[in-house]
Amino acid sequence: MKKYIKLGALAAIAAAGLSLYSTTANAQTRPRTGIKAGLSASSLFYDNANATDKKERIGFHAGVFTQLPIGSAFAIQPELLYINKGASSGYSAIGNTGRNSFNLNYAELPVLATIKLGNFADIQAGPYVGYLLSSNVKTEGSLGNVGVNLNPDQFNRVDYGLAGGVNVYFGQLLIGARYEQGLQKIANTTASQAVLNNARNGVGLLSIGYSFN
């Protein structure tokens, strides 16, 4: 009798294990859609002899994402984000000193290849393309404090580059970290190139999100 009880218990454990595996695999192959937001820390990579003491611009990003599984361990994740980029630097020219703050705001579409580590974490990498929505340069120093809404046509409207990062899930909540490196030069005119030279965007993102499914 004990033998049959043991065999029954083993069968029940095996059935429970198969059920758990099936549930986990099914969860991994369902689309995942949600919202995310958080901080952005942006730099402009450029070489200008008059620019000193370069600092990041601390801003924010927010948007939506959808994760489309391709099998149980791989997915494609497109996103649509609003994101702050830019930086600040000191300047010294013709006896005048001060600080310029470059504020660039984009709508951005990353498309990320995603390696799924179960339902608990993702590793992601892929390209992004962004569109410049607005731009602002603020000058503080011996020339006074001035805020100027520069025409975005002074800059390349389209930005593109590569992104990579990780997500960790706590049920439907997620925490993510990512870095994006722009490949497109920002400046588009002689005047903007005189200040920014061959500057490109670089930004780190720290996100908190919620998955609806």
C-alpha atoms as a PDB file:
ATOM      1  CA  MET A   1       0.000   0.000   0.000  1.00  0.00           C
ATOM      2  CA  LYS A   2       2.814   2.404   0.901  1.00  0.00           C
ATOM      3  CA  LYS A   3       4.366   1.654  -2.493  1.00  0.00           C
ATOM      4  CA  TYR A   4       1.212   2.796  -4.278  1.00  0.00           C
ATOM      5  CA  ILE A   5       0.989   5.887  -2.073  1.00  0.00           C
ATOM      6  CA  LYS A   6       4.585   6.776  -2.950  1.00  0.00           C
ATOM      7  CA  LEU A   7       3.923   6.211  -6.644  1.00  0.00           C
ATOM      8  CA  GLY A   8       0.790   8.365  -6.408  1.00  0.00           C
ATOM      9  CA  ALA A   9       2.701  11.118  -4.626  1.00  0.00           C
ATOM     10  CA  LEU A  10       5.477  11.045  -7.235  1.00  0.00           C
ATOM     11  CA  ALA A  11       2.878  11.197 -10.001  1.00  0.00           C
ATOM     12  CA  ALA A  12       1.197  14.176  -8.319  1.00  0.00           C
ATOM     13  CA  ILE A  13       4.540  15.977  -7.934  1.00  0.00           C
ATOM     14  CA  ALA A  14       5.405  15.311 -11.577  1.00  0.00           C
ATOM     15  CA  ALA A  15       1.983  16.570 -12.690  1.00  0.00           C
ATOM     16  CA  ALA A  16       2.380  19.709 -10.577  1.00  0.00           C
ATOM     17  CA  GLY A  17       5.843  20.280 -12.048  1.00  0.00           C
ATOM     18  CA  LEU A  18       4.547  19.896 -15.597  1.00  0.00           C
ATOM     19  CA  SER A  19       1.676  22.248 -14.813  1.00  0.00           C
ATOM     20  CA  LEU A  20       4.080  24.860 -13.365  1.00  0.00           C
ATOM     21  CA  TYR A  21       6.387  24.531 -16.389  1.00  0.00           C
ATOM     22  CA  SER A  22       3.430  24.885 -18.743  1.00  0.00           C
ATOM     23  CA  THR A  23       2.169  27.951 -16.863  1.00  0.00           C
ATOM     24  CA  THR A  24       5.642  29.562 -16.858  1.00  0.00           C
ATOM     25  CA  ALA A  25       6.240  28.810 -20.536  1.00  0.00           C
ATOM     26  CA  ASN A  26       2.786  30.163 -21.393  1.00  0.00           C
ATOM     27  CA  ALA A  27       3.510  33.336 -19.406  1.00  0.00           C
ATOM     28  CA  GLN A  28       6.807  33.792 -21.204  1.00  0.00           C
ATOM     29  CA  THR A  29       5.128  33.568 -24.611  1.00  0.00           C
ATOM     30  CA  ARG A  30       2.354  36.106 -23.906  1.00  0.00           C
ATOM     31  CA  PRO A  31       2.753  39.693 -25.127  1.00  0.00           C
ATOM     32  CA  ARG A  32       3.569  42.136 -22.335  1.00  0.00           C
ATOM     33  CA  THR A  33       2.356  45.755 -22.600  1.00  0.00           C
ATOM     34  CA  GLY A  34       2.902  48.524 -20.104  1.00  0.00           C
ATOM     35  CA  ILE A  35       3.987  52.030 -19.178  1.00  0.00           C
ATOM     36  CA  LYS A  36       7.300  53.319 -17.855  1.00  0.00           C
ATOM     37  CA  ALA A  37       8.876  56.549 -16.624  1.00  0.00           C
ATOM     38  CA  GLY A  38      11.970  57.705 -14.801  1.00  0.00           C
ATOM     39  CA  LEU A  39      15.136  59.759 -14.790  1.00  0.00           C
ATOM     40  CA  SER A  40      17.481  60.501 -17.685  1.00  0.00           C
ATOM     41  CA  ALA A  41      21.099  61.623 -17.271  1.00  0.00           C
ATOM     42  CA  SER A  42      22.294  63.000 -20.607  1.00  0.00           C
ATOM     43  CA  SER A  43      25.670  64.079 -21.966  1.00  0.00           C
ATOM     44  CA  LEU A  44      26.765  65.664 -25.237  1.00  0.00           C
ATOM     45  CA  PHE A  45      29.968  64.177 -26.589  1.00  0.00           C
ATOM     46  CA  TYR A  46      31.800  66.978 -28.371  1.00  0.00           C
ATOM     47  CA  ASP A  47      35.240  68.526 -28.595  1.00  0.00           C
ATOM     48  CA  ASN A  48      35.306  72.303 -28.314  1.00  0.00           C
ATOM     49  CA  ALA A  49      38.329  74.158 -26.939  1.00  0.00           C
ATOM     50  CA  ASN A  50      36.080  76.877 -25.464  1.00  0.00           C
ATOM     51  CA  ALA A  51      33.855  74.371 -23.592  1.00  0.00           C
ATOM     52  CA  THR A  52      34.905  73.504 -20.026  1.00  0.00           C
ATOM     53  CA  ASP A  53      33.432  71.792 -16.964  1.00  0.00           C
ATOM     54  CA  LYS A  54      30.908  69.737 -18.928  1.00  0.00           C
ATOM     55  CA  LYS A  55      27.996  68.393 -16.894  1.00  0.00           C
ATOM     56  CA  GLU A  56      25.058  66.106 -17.529  1.00  0.00           C
ATOM     57  CA  ARG A  57      21.492  67.280 -17.931  1.00  0.00           C
ATOM     58  CA  ILE A  58      19.229  65.515 -15.438  1.00  0.00           C
ATOM     59  CA  GLY A  59      15.763  65.156 -16.922  1.00  0.00           C
ATOM     60  CA  PHE A  60      13.033  62.563 -17.306  1.00  0.00           C
ATOM     61  CA  HIS A  61      11.510  60.151 -19.777  1.00  0.00           C
ATOM     62  CA  ALA A  62       8.079  58.518 -20.037  1.00  0.00           C
ATOM     63  CA  GLY A  63       6.271  56.283 -22.482  1.00  0.00           C
ATOM     64  CA  VAL A  64       4.765  52.931 -23.383  1.00  0.00           C
ATOM     65  CA  PHE A  65       6.195  49.562 -24.418  1.00  0.00           C
ATOM     66  CA  THR A  66       5.046  46.259 -25.879  1.00  0.00           C
ATOM     67  CA  GLN A  67       7.051  43.042 -25.642  1.00  0.00           C
ATOM     68  CA  LEU A  68       6.299  40.596 -28.467  1.00  0.00           C
ATOM     69  CA  PRO A  69       7.603  37.081 -27.679  1.00  0.00           C
ATOM     70  CA  ILE A  70       9.283  34.946 -30.333  1.00  0.00           C
ATOM     71  CA  GLY A  71       9.515  31.637 -28.499  1.00  0.00           C
ATOM     72  CA  SER A  72       9.977  31.270 -24.738  1.00  0.00           C
ATOM     73  CA  ALA A  73      13.363  32.980 -24.380  1.00  0.00           C
ATOM     74  CA  PHE A  74      13.384  35.761 -26.989  1.00  0.00           C
ATOM     75  CA  ALA A  75      11.208  38.781 -27.776  1.00  0.00           C
ATOM     76  CA  ILE A  76      11.147  42.078 -29.674  1.00  0.00           C
ATOM     77  CA  GLN A  77      10.233  45.167 -27.643  1.00  0.00           C
ATOM     78  CA  PRO A  78       9.224  48.388 -29.417  1.00  0.00           C
ATOM     79  CA  GLU A  79       8.688  51.488 -27.274  1.00  0.00           C
ATOM     80  CA  LEU A  80       7.471  55.048 -27.732  1.00  0.00           C
ATOM     81  CA  LEU A  81       9.120  57.537 -25.360  1.00  0.00           C
ATOM     82  CA  TYR A  82       9.297  61.236 -24.623  1.00  0.00           C
ATOM     83  CA  ILE A  83      12.845  61.908 -23.430  1.00  0.00           C
ATOM     84  CA  ASN A  84      14.989  64.851 -22.294  1.00  0.00           C
ATOM     85  CA  LYS A  85      18.543  65.046 -23.606  1.00  0.00           C
ATOM     86  CA  GLY A  86      21.288  67.663 -23.609  1.00  0.00           C
ATOM     87  CA  ALA A  87      24.084  68.875 -21.323  1.00  0.00           C
ATOM     88  CA  SER A  88      25.761  72.022 -20.027  1.00  0.00           C
ATOM     89  CA  SER A  89      29.291  73.423 -20.226  1.00  0.00           C
ATOM     90  CA  GLY A  90      31.240  76.488 -19.258  1.00  0.00           C
ATOM     91  CA  TYR A  91      32.560  78.866 -21.905  1.00  0.00           C
ATOM     92  CA  SER A  92      35.174  81.587 -22.220  1.00  0.00           C
ATOM     93  CA  ALA A  93      35.166  83.831 -25.284  1.00  0.00           C
ATOM     94  CA  ILE A  94      36.412  87.394 -25.891  1.00  0.00           C
ATOM     95  CA  GLY A  95      36.771  88.059 -22.183  1.00  0.00           C
ATOM     96  CA  ASN A  96      33.305  86.754 -21.345  1.00  0.00           C
ATOM     97  CA  THR A  97      32.707  83.678 -19.200  1.00  0.00           C
ATOM     98  CA  GLY A  98      29.591  81.772 -18.282  1.00  0.00           C
ATOM     99  CA  ARG A  99      27.678  78.577 -18.779  1.00  0.00           C
ATOM    100  CA  ASN A 100      25.530  77.239 -21.643  1.00  0.00           C
ATOM    101  CA  SER A 101      22.780  74.696 -20.987  1.00  0.00           C
ATOM    102  CA  PHE A 102      21.554  72.766 -24.045  1.00  0.00           C
ATOM    103  CA  ASN A 103      18.074  71.290 -23.621  1.00  0.00           C
ATOM    104  CA  LEU A 104      16.849  68.944 -26.342  1.00  0.00           C
ATOM    105  CA  ASN A 105      13.539  67.065 -26.133  1.00  0.00           C
ATOM    106  CA  TYR A 106      12.759  64.079 -28.341  1.00  0.00           C
ATOM    107  CA  ALA A 107      10.041  61.622 -29.246  1.00  0.00           C
ATOM    108  CA  GLU A 108      11.894  58.331 -29.504  1.00  0.00           C
ATOM    109  CA  LEU A 109      11.227  54.824 -30.860  1.00  0.00           C
ATOM    110  CA  PRO A 110      13.597  52.106 -29.629  1.00  0.00           C
ATOM    111  CA  VAL A 111      13.212  48.566 -31.045  1.00  0.00           C
ATOM    112  CA  LEU A 112      15.043  46.162 -28.757  1.00  0.00           C
ATOM    113  CA  ALA A 113      15.969  42.503 -29.130  1.00  0.00           C
ATOM    114  CA  THR A 114      15.186  40.932 -25.751  1.00  0.00           C
ATOM    115  CA  ILE A 115      16.675  37.835 -24.137  1.00  0.00           C
ATOM    116  CA  LYS A 116      14.284  36.657 -21.424  1.00  0.00           C
ATOM    117  CA  LEU A 117      15.685  35.176 -18.224  1.00  0.00           C
ATOM    118  CA  GLY A 118      12.451  33.516 -17.202  1.00  0.00           C
ATOM    119  CA  ASN A 119       9.774  35.975 -16.141  1.00  0.00           C
ATOM    120  CA  PHE A 120      12.146  37.722 -13.778  1.00  0.00           C
ATOM    121  CA  ALA A 121      14.624  39.638 -15.935  1.00  0.00           C
ATOM    122  CA  ASP A 122      15.423  40.767 -19.498  1.00  0.00           C
ATOM    123  CA  ILE A 123      18.627  41.679 -21.299  1.00  0.00           C
ATOM    124  CA  GLN A 124      17.996  44.081 -24.190  1.00  0.00           C
ATOM    125  CA  ALA A 125      19.878  45.673 -27.072  1.00  0.00           C
ATOM    126  CA  GLY A 126      18.941  47.321 -30.351  1.00  0.00           C
ATOM    127  CA  PRO A 127      18.618  50.540 -32.369  1.00  0.00           C
ATOM    128  CA  TYR A 128      16.565  53.645 -31.678  1.00  0.00           C
ATOM    129  CA  VAL A 129      15.426  56.585 -33.763  1.00  0.00           C
ATOM    130  CA  GLY A 130      14.294  59.916 -32.323  1.00  0.00           C
ATOM    131  CA  TYR A 131      12.650  63.103 -33.585  1.00  0.00           C
ATOM    132  CA  LEU A 132      13.542  66.495 -32.067  1.00  0.00           C
ATOM    133  CA  LEU A 133      10.392  68.163 -30.718  1.00  0.00           C
ATOM    134  CA  SER A 134      11.870  71.271 -29.093  1.00  0.00           C
ATOM    135  CA  SER A 135      15.192  72.883 -28.217  1.00  0.00           C
ATOM    136  CA  ASN A 136      16.317  75.536 -25.768  1.00  0.00           C
ATOM    137  CA  VAL A 137      19.675  77.067 -24.857  1.00  0.00           C
ATOM    138  CA  LYS A 138      20.085  78.929 -21.565  1.00  0.00           C
ATOM    139  CA  THR A 139      23.145  81.145 -20.993  1.00  0.00           C
ATOM    140  CA  GLU A 140      24.249  82.266 -17.539  1.00  0.00           C
ATOM    141  CA  GLY A 141      27.310  84.424 -16.948  1.00  0.00           C
ATOM    142  CA  SER A 142      28.931  87.774 -17.698  1.00  0.00           C
ATOM    143  CA  LEU A 143      26.676  88.215 -20.711  1.00  0.00           C
ATOM    144  CA  GLY A 144      23.653  87.927 -18.434  1.00  0.00           C
ATOM    145  CA  ASN A 145      21.043  85.229 -17.976  1.00  0.00           C
ATOM    146  CA  VAL A 146      19.247  84.497 -21.230  1.00  0.00           C
ATOM    147  CA  GLY A 147      16.856  81.745 -22.318  1.00  0.00           C
ATOM    148  CA  VAL A 148      16.567  81.276 -26.069  1.00  0.00           C
ATOM    149  CA  ASN A 149      14.176  78.967 -27.907  1.00  0.00           C
ATOM    150  CA  LEU A 150      16.347  78.002 -30.823  1.00  0.00           C
ATOM    151  CA  ASN A 151      14.681  76.843 -33.984  1.00  0.00           C
ATOM    152  CA  PRO A 152      14.988  73.035 -34.028  1.00  0.00           C
ATOM    153  CA  ASP A 153      16.114  73.405 -37.650  1.00  0.00           C
ATOM    154  CA  GLN A 154      19.456  74.513 -36.165  1.00  0.00           C
ATOM    155  CA  PHE A 155      19.807  70.844 -35.215  1.00  0.00           C
ATOM    156  CA  ASN A 156      19.306  67.582 -37.045  1.00  0.00           C
ATOM    157  CA  ARG A 157      15.658  66.753 -36.476  1.00  0.00           C
ATOM    158  CA  VAL A 158      16.349  63.008 -36.591  1.00  0.00           C
ATOM    159  CA  ASP A 159      18.591  61.342 -34.043  1.00  0.00           C
ATOM    160  CA  TYR A 160      19.514  57.656 -34.096  1.00  0.00           C
ATOM    161  CA  GLY A 161      21.818  55.299 -32.271  1.00  0.00           C
ATOM    162  CA  LEU A 162      22.162  52.105 -30.230  1.00  0.00           C
ATOM    163  CA  ALA A 163      20.675  51.181 -26.859  1.00  0.00           C
ATOM    164  CA  GLY A 164      21.220  48.394 -24.348  1.00  0.00           C
ATOM    165  CA  GLY A 165      20.128  47.568 -20.819  1.00  0.00           C
ATOM    166  CA  VAL A 166      18.354  45.257 -18.365  1.00  0.00           C
ATOM    167  CA  ASN A 167      14.921  44.975 -16.747  1.00  0.00           C
ATOM    168  CA  VAL A 168      14.084  43.220 -13.487  1.00  0.00           C
ATOM    169  CA  TYR A 169      10.454  42.276 -12.763  1.00  0.00           C
ATOM    170  CA  PHE A 170       8.625  42.096  -9.446  1.00  0.00           C
ATOM    171  CA  GLY A 171       5.307  40.678 -10.579  1.00  0.00           C
ATOM    172  CA  GLN A 172       3.823  43.354 -12.829  1.00  0.00           C
ATOM    173  CA  LEU A 173       6.259  46.024 -11.642  1.00  0.00           C
ATOM    174  CA  LEU A 174       9.638  46.513 -13.295  1.00  0.00           C
ATOM    175  CA  ILE A 175      12.857  48.400 -12.694  1.00  0.00           C
ATOM    176  CA  GLY A 176      15.070  49.043 -15.717  1.00  0.00           C
ATOM    177  CA  ALA A 177      18.458  50.540 -16.502  1.00  0.00           C
ATOM    178  CA  ARG A 178      19.617  51.449 -20.014  1.00  0.00           C
ATOM    179  CA  TYR A 179      22.276  53.384 -21.874  1.00  0.00           C
ATOM    180  CA  GLU A 180      21.826  54.966 -25.310  1.00  0.00           C
ATOM    181  CA  GLN A 181      24.622  56.217 -27.554  1.00  0.00           C
ATOM    182  CA  GLY A 182      23.730  58.504 -30.444  1.00  0.00           C
ATOM    183  CA  LEU A 183      25.411  58.061 -33.823  1.00  0.00           C
ATOM    184  CA  GLN A 184      23.970  61.170 -35.482  1.00  0.00           C
ATOM    185  CA  LYS A 185      25.628  64.588 -35.126  1.00  0.00           C
ATOM    186  CA  ILE A 186      23.285  67.041 -33.403  1.00  0.00           C
ATOM    187  CA  ALA A 187      24.351  70.328 -35.046  1.00  0.00           C
ATOM    188  CA  ASN A 188      22.950  71.064 -38.484  1.00  0.00           C
ATOM    189  CA  THR A 189      24.055  74.639 -39.315  1.00  0.00           C
ATOM    190  CA  THR A 190      27.297  76.629 -39.306  1.00  0.00           C
ATOM    191  CA  ALA A 191      26.181  78.528 -36.188  1.00  0.00           C
ATOM    192  CA  SER A 192      25.267  75.425 -34.167  1.00  0.00           C
ATOM    193  CA  GLN A 193      28.357  73.551 -35.349  1.00  0.00           C
ATOM    194  CA  ALA A 194      30.541  76.432 -34.131  1.00  0.00           C
ATOM    195  CA  VAL A 195      29.298  75.712 -30.594  1.00  0.00           C
ATOM    196  CA  LEU A 196      28.609  71.983 -30.622  1.00  0.00           C
ATOM    197  CA  ASN A 197      31.091  70.822 -33.256  1.00  0.00           C
ATOM    198  CA  ASN A 198      30.497  67.079 -33.815  1.00  0.00           C
ATOM    199  CA  ALA A 199      28.407  66.546 -30.654  1.00  0.00           C
ATOM    200  CA  ARG A 200      26.339  63.371 -30.292  1.00  0.00           C
ATOM    201  CA  ASN A 201      23.793  62.405 -27.658  1.00  0.00           C
ATOM    202  CA  GLY A 202      24.547  59.950 -24.892  1.00  0.00           C
ATOM    203  CA  VAL A 203      22.023  59.204 -22.142  1.00  0.00           C
ATOM    204  CA  GLY A 204      21.521  56.824 -19.230  1.00  0.00           C
ATOM    205  CA  LEU A 205      17.966  55.909 -18.194  1.00  0.00           C
ATOM    206  CA  LEU A 206      16.634  54.579 -14.904  1.00  0.00           C
ATOM    207  CA  SER A 207      13.005  53.490 -15.231  1.00  0.00           C
ATOM    208  CA  ILE A 208      10.119  52.237 -13.142  1.00  0.00           C
ATOM    209  CA  GLY A 209       7.288  50.611 -15.049  1.00  0.00           C
ATOM    210  CA  TYR A 210       4.076  48.633 -14.816  1.00  0.00           C
ATOM    211  CA  SER A 211       3.052  45.756 -17.071  1.00  0.00           C
ATOM    212  CA  PHE A 212      -0.684  45.356 -17.614  1.00  0.00           C
ATOM    213  CA  ASN A 213      -0.387  41.627 -18.351  1.00  0.00           C
END
